[in-house]
Amino acid sequence: MATTRIDGPGFRRRRPRQGMQRNGQTAVTEPCFARATGFLERRRVLAGSTPADGDLLTVFVEEEVGGVGTGRVASQLSYGGDSQGPMDNVYDDLCAMTLTGLAVQYRIAHRDSHGSLP
């Protein structure tokens, strides 16, 4: 998975929703980027046009070396889906969405011994 690092004073933490249409269905995605580095911290794929229970939420944890982020994904935690239960559907910024009460549905640990793949 590629991550995006963008540094600079003009970086926007919140980007507009992105939509993709396929077979007559539209998937709407909300991203959340770290303000200082541009690292993609969260991504929510909406089941409809607005946040609702059952959406798919992925939280990306950045790899750190010596307390400094590398820009690579160390692990990703997945929440949501049909069995998740109630989610926080009212927030101004996806980065501020509370994860209280949510159970991780599955976890992926990324282990690269020689950096990232091209």
Protein backbone atom coordinates (compact mmCIF):
# COMPACT_ATOMS: atom_id res chain seq x y z
CA MET A 1 0.00 0.00 0.00
CA ALA A 2 1.38 3.38 -0.93
CA THR A 3 1.27 6.20 1.58
CA THR A 4 1.36 9.89 0.85
CA ARG A 5 3.76 12.25 2.63
CA ILE A 6 3.19 15.92 2.02
CA ASP A 7 5.05 18.55 4.00
CA GLY A 8 4.49 22.28 3.89
CA PRO A 9 2.33 25.05 5.24
CA GLY A 10 -0.34 24.64 2.56
CA PHE A 11 -1.18 21.02 3.38
CA ARG A 12 -4.85 20.41 4.10
CA ARG A 13 -5.62 17.76 6.73
CA ARG A 14 -9.10 17.17 5.41
CA ARG A 15 -9.61 16.50 1.77
CA PRO A 16 -12.98 16.44 0.09
CA ARG A 17 -14.84 13.18 -0.10
CA GLN A 18 -13.94 11.06 -3.06
CA GLY A 19 -16.49 9.03 -4.98
CA MET A 20 -16.03 6.10 -7.32
CA GLN A 21 -18.82 4.57 -9.35
CA ARG A 22 -18.95 0.98 -10.53
CA ASN A 23 -21.90 -1.07 -11.75
CA GLY A 24 -24.29 1.72 -10.84
CA GLN A 25 -23.10 1.89 -7.22
CA THR A 26 -21.09 4.79 -5.80
CA ALA A 27 -18.52 4.28 -3.04
CA VAL A 28 -17.77 7.45 -1.09
CA THR A 29 -14.47 7.62 0.79
CA GLU A 30 -13.43 10.05 3.52
CA PRO A 31 -9.68 10.32 4.20
CA CYS A 32 -7.84 11.68 7.26
CA PHE A 33 -4.22 12.82 6.93
CA ALA A 34 -1.73 13.78 9.68
CA ARG A 35 -1.41 17.55 9.69
CA ALA A 36 2.38 17.63 10.08
CA THR A 37 3.41 14.87 7.67
CA GLY A 38 0.54 14.06 5.35
CA PHE A 39 0.52 10.41 6.46
CA LEU A 40 -2.85 8.76 5.75
CA GLU A 41 -4.11 7.96 9.26
CA ARG A 42 -7.70 6.89 8.58
CA ARG A 43 -9.99 6.06 5.69
CA ARG A 44 -13.74 5.54 5.94
CA VAL A 45 -15.71 4.00 3.09
CA LEU A 46 -19.34 4.99 3.46
CA ALA A 47 -22.13 2.47 2.92
CA GLY A 48 -24.29 5.33 1.60
CA SER A 49 -23.90 9.04 0.99
CA THR A 50 -23.46 9.96 4.68
CA PRO A 51 -21.67 8.31 7.63
CA ALA A 52 -23.70 5.42 9.07
CA ASP A 53 -23.32 2.22 11.06
CA GLY A 54 -21.84 -0.48 8.84
CA ASP A 55 -19.31 1.80 7.13
CA LEU A 56 -15.79 0.42 6.74
CA LEU A 57 -13.12 2.26 8.74
CA THR A 58 -9.40 1.57 8.39
CA VAL A 59 -6.88 3.08 10.83
CA PHE A 60 -3.28 3.11 9.59
CA VAL A 61 -0.48 3.08 12.19
CA GLU A 62 2.76 4.67 11.02
CA GLU A 63 6.06 2.84 11.49
CA GLU A 64 8.47 4.67 13.78
CA VAL A 65 12.24 4.41 14.03
CA GLY A 66 13.81 6.19 16.97
CA GLY A 67 10.52 7.94 17.70
CA VAL A 68 10.31 9.42 14.20
CA GLY A 69 7.70 8.37 11.65
CA THR A 70 9.03 6.77 8.48
CA GLY A 71 5.96 7.32 6.31
CA ARG A 72 5.44 3.56 5.99
CA VAL A 73 2.44 1.67 7.35
CA ALA A 74 3.38 -0.55 10.32
CA SER A 75 -0.11 -1.94 10.81
CA GLN A 76 -3.70 -1.34 9.87
CA LEU A 77 -6.78 -1.88 11.98
CA SER A 78 -10.16 -2.48 10.37
CA TYR A 79 -13.48 -1.60 11.94
CA GLY A 80 -17.05 -1.61 10.70
CA GLY A 81 -19.11 -3.84 8.51
CA ASP A 82 -22.38 -5.56 9.29
CA SER A 83 -21.33 -7.02 12.65
CA GLN A 84 -19.73 -3.87 14.14
CA GLY A 85 -22.67 -2.19 15.82
CA PRO A 86 -23.02 1.56 16.47
CA MET A 87 -20.27 3.87 15.23
CA ASP A 88 -19.64 7.60 15.75
CA ASN A 89 -21.45 9.14 12.77
CA VAL A 90 -21.34 12.79 13.84
CA TYR A 91 -17.93 14.49 13.56
CA ASP A 92 -16.41 17.49 11.83
CA ASP A 93 -13.13 15.76 11.06
CA LEU A 94 -12.61 12.02 10.53
CA CYS A 95 -9.36 12.31 12.50
CA ALA A 96 -11.43 13.33 15.55
CA MET A 97 -13.93 10.48 15.23
CA THR A 98 -14.07 8.49 18.46
CA LEU A 99 -13.22 4.79 18.36
CA THR A 100 -14.62 4.17 21.85
CA GLY A 101 -16.68 1.00 21.97
CA LEU A 102 -15.49 -0.27 18.58
CA ALA A 103 -13.85 -3.68 18.33
CA VAL A 104 -11.11 -4.31 15.79
CA GLN A 105 -12.58 -6.68 13.20
CA TYR A 106 -9.16 -7.61 11.87
CA ARG A 107 -5.55 -6.41 12.07
CA ILE A 108 -2.77 -6.53 9.49
CA ALA A 109 0.87 -6.14 10.54
CA HIS A 110 3.28 -5.01 7.82
CA ARG A 111 6.83 -6.28 8.21
CA ASP A 112 9.34 -5.11 5.60
CA SER A 113 12.93 -6.15 6.15
CA HIS A 114 14.43 -3.97 3.40
CA GLY A 115 12.16 -0.95 3.00
CA SER A 116 9.06 -0.67 0.89
CA LEU A 117 8.26 -2.28 -2.43
CA PRO A 118 8.57 -0.13 -5.55
